[in-house]
């Protein structure tokens, strides 16, 4: 009788482990689908930014972003873009000015393409920095709470 109880407990534990594994895989697949469709939206927005950015000293060689989810978590919908600096942007004030201009272009794009909610545009610059003559720009698409929390956390730094 004791052997049957142990056998049933083992079956139940195995069933739970398989269930957790399947759930984890489904979440990962859903996150990948969301990230891929979001990447297309953000890449299109950055093409718009690339056209306007020539006026303020930044030149994009491409507008295909790399996901930041590997670093910040699977459900964060953000992408990193690189641009060549075509004029001196060495001080923080100049970089902040470029950030504001990119954010404004993203705001215009968001409005034109109905990518807004009651809190504002869903596309925003989350981080920007310069390394040699390369400007790194992280752009988030605020479609889930994890991405909104990520943006809030970055603003605290």
Protein backbone atom coordinates (compact mmCIF):
# COMPACT_ATOMS: atom_id res chain seq x y z
CA UNK A 1 0.00 0.00 0.00
CA UNK A 2 2.85 2.42 0.86
CA UNK A 3 4.46 1.74 -2.52
CA UNK A 4 1.27 2.85 -4.31
CA UNK A 5 1.22 6.14 -2.42
CA UNK A 6 4.86 6.82 -3.31
CA UNK A 7 4.13 5.87 -6.93
CA UNK A 8 1.14 8.27 -7.05
CA UNK A 9 3.19 11.08 -5.49
CA UNK A 10 5.92 10.57 -8.09
CA UNK A 11 3.33 10.66 -10.89
CA UNK A 12 1.79 13.86 -9.46
CA UNK A 13 5.20 15.55 -9.14
CA UNK A 14 6.13 14.55 -12.70
CA UNK A 15 2.78 15.84 -13.97
CA UNK A 16 3.35 19.19 -12.22
CA UNK A 17 6.90 19.48 -13.58
CA UNK A 18 5.73 18.79 -17.13
CA UNK A 19 2.93 21.33 -16.68
CA UNK A 20 5.38 23.99 -15.47
CA UNK A 21 7.72 23.26 -18.37
CA UNK A 22 4.90 23.59 -20.92
CA UNK A 23 3.72 26.83 -19.30
CA UNK A 24 7.24 28.27 -19.40
CA UNK A 25 7.61 27.35 -23.07
CA UNK A 26 4.25 28.96 -23.93
CA UNK A 27 5.21 32.18 -22.16
CA UNK A 28 8.57 32.23 -23.97
CA UNK A 29 6.87 31.64 -27.33
CA UNK A 30 4.30 34.37 -26.67
CA UNK A 31 7.06 36.79 -25.64
CA UNK A 32 8.96 36.01 -28.84
CA UNK A 33 5.86 36.65 -30.96
CA UNK A 34 5.20 39.97 -29.21
CA UNK A 35 8.86 40.98 -29.48
CA UNK A 36 9.03 40.14 -33.21
CA UNK A 37 5.88 42.08 -34.10
CA UNK A 38 6.98 44.96 -31.87
CA UNK A 39 10.40 45.01 -33.49
CA UNK A 40 8.79 45.68 -36.86
CA UNK A 41 6.81 48.60 -35.40
CA UNK A 42 9.83 50.12 -33.66
CA UNK A 43 12.09 49.58 -36.69
CA UNK A 44 9.57 51.43 -38.86
CA UNK A 45 9.48 54.28 -36.35
CA UNK A 46 13.27 54.44 -36.33
CA UNK A 47 13.28 54.70 -40.14
CA UNK A 48 11.20 57.84 -39.66
CA UNK A 49 13.66 59.05 -37.01
CA UNK A 50 16.60 58.31 -39.33
CA UNK A 51 15.14 60.62 -41.96
CA UNK A 52 14.75 63.51 -39.50
CA UNK A 53 17.98 62.88 -37.56
CA UNK A 54 20.23 64.04 -40.39
CA UNK A 55 19.34 67.58 -39.34
CA UNK A 56 20.81 67.22 -35.86
CA UNK A 57 24.14 65.51 -36.38
CA UNK A 58 23.26 61.82 -36.33
CA UNK A 59 23.35 59.38 -39.24
CA UNK A 60 21.87 55.89 -39.08
CA UNK A 61 23.58 53.24 -41.19
CA UNK A 62 20.64 50.90 -40.63
CA UNK A 63 17.43 50.90 -38.68
CA UNK A 64 17.29 47.30 -37.50
CA UNK A 65 17.29 47.13 -33.71
CA UNK A 66 18.69 44.53 -31.35
CA UNK A 67 16.46 43.40 -28.51
CA UNK A 68 17.41 44.45 -24.98
CA UNK A 69 15.34 41.58 -23.55
CA UNK A 70 18.44 39.41 -23.21
CA UNK A 71 19.78 41.88 -20.65
CA UNK A 72 16.64 43.28 -19.01
CA UNK A 73 14.21 40.37 -19.13
CA UNK A 74 12.24 38.42 -21.64
CA UNK A 75 9.09 40.55 -21.44
CA UNK A 76 10.77 43.95 -21.86
CA UNK A 77 9.96 45.29 -25.33
CA UNK A 78 12.96 47.46 -26.13
CA UNK A 79 15.52 47.67 -28.89
CA UNK A 80 18.99 49.16 -29.28
CA UNK A 81 19.92 51.20 -32.35
CA UNK A 82 23.29 52.59 -33.38
CA UNK A 83 23.98 55.79 -35.25
CA UNK A 84 27.12 57.54 -36.40
CA UNK A 85 27.76 60.93 -34.86
CA UNK A 86 28.38 63.43 -37.65
CA UNK A 87 29.10 66.42 -35.41
CA UNK A 88 30.52 66.97 -31.93
CA UNK A 89 28.17 65.62 -29.25
CA UNK A 90 30.71 65.10 -26.50
CA UNK A 91 28.94 66.89 -23.67
CA UNK A 92 25.81 65.77 -21.87
CA UNK A 93 23.82 68.81 -22.95
CA UNK A 94 24.26 67.96 -26.64
CA UNK A 95 23.36 64.30 -26.09
CA UNK A 96 20.28 65.36 -24.10
CA UNK A 97 19.28 67.63 -26.97
CA UNK A 98 19.57 64.77 -29.45
CA UNK A 99 17.53 62.56 -27.10
CA UNK A 100 14.79 65.20 -26.96
CA UNK A 101 14.74 65.48 -30.75
CA UNK A 102 14.54 61.71 -31.19
CA UNK A 103 11.80 61.53 -28.55
CA UNK A 104 9.91 64.28 -30.38
CA UNK A 105 10.22 62.40 -33.69
CA UNK A 106 8.98 59.22 -31.96
CA UNK A 107 6.09 61.19 -30.47
CA UNK A 108 5.13 62.52 -33.92
CA UNK A 109 5.38 59.02 -35.41
CA UNK A 110 3.32 57.57 -32.54
CA UNK A 111 0.61 60.16 -33.02
CA UNK A 112 0.50 59.66 -36.79
CA UNK A 113 0.28 55.86 -36.43
CA UNK A 114 -2.09 55.80 -33.42
CA UNK A 115 0.54 54.39 -31.06
CA UNK A 116 -0.59 56.32 -28.00
CA UNK A 117 -2.45 55.67 -24.79
CA UNK A 118 -3.72 58.00 -22.07
CA UNK A 119 -0.16 58.36 -20.73
CA UNK A 120 1.27 59.53 -24.05
CA UNK A 121 3.24 57.97 -26.90
CA UNK A 122 4.04 54.28 -26.68
CA UNK A 123 7.47 54.74 -28.30
CA UNK A 124 10.14 56.45 -26.21
CA UNK A 125 13.89 56.68 -25.84
CA UNK A 126 14.79 54.81 -22.66
CA UNK A 127 18.54 55.39 -22.76
CA UNK A 128 21.12 57.09 -24.94
CA UNK A 129 24.89 57.19 -24.73
CA UNK A 130 27.89 57.83 -26.90
CA UNK A 131 30.85 55.51 -27.37
CA UNK A 132 33.62 56.92 -29.59
CA UNK A 133 31.68 58.22 -32.62
CA UNK A 134 28.77 55.81 -32.19
CA UNK A 135 25.54 56.88 -30.56
CA UNK A 136 23.62 54.04 -28.89
CA UNK A 137 19.89 54.61 -28.53
CA UNK A 138 17.55 52.29 -26.64
CA UNK A 139 13.90 52.66 -27.66
CA UNK A 140 11.02 51.02 -25.79
CA UNK A 141 7.53 50.16 -26.97
CA UNK A 142 5.35 50.54 -23.88
CA UNK A 143 2.83 47.77 -24.55
CA UNK A 144 3.14 45.86 -21.28
CA UNK A 145 3.68 46.53 -17.59
CA UNK A 146 7.17 44.99 -17.56
CA UNK A 147 8.37 47.51 -20.15
CA UNK A 148 6.74 50.40 -18.26
CA UNK A 149 8.44 49.22 -15.04
CA UNK A 150 11.76 48.97 -16.89
CA UNK A 151 11.41 52.58 -18.08
CA UNK A 152 10.55 53.71 -14.53
CA UNK A 153 13.58 51.87 -13.12
CA UNK A 154 15.89 53.48 -15.68
CA UNK A 155 14.60 56.94 -14.82
CA UNK A 156 15.71 56.35 -11.21
CA UNK A 157 19.34 55.84 -12.28
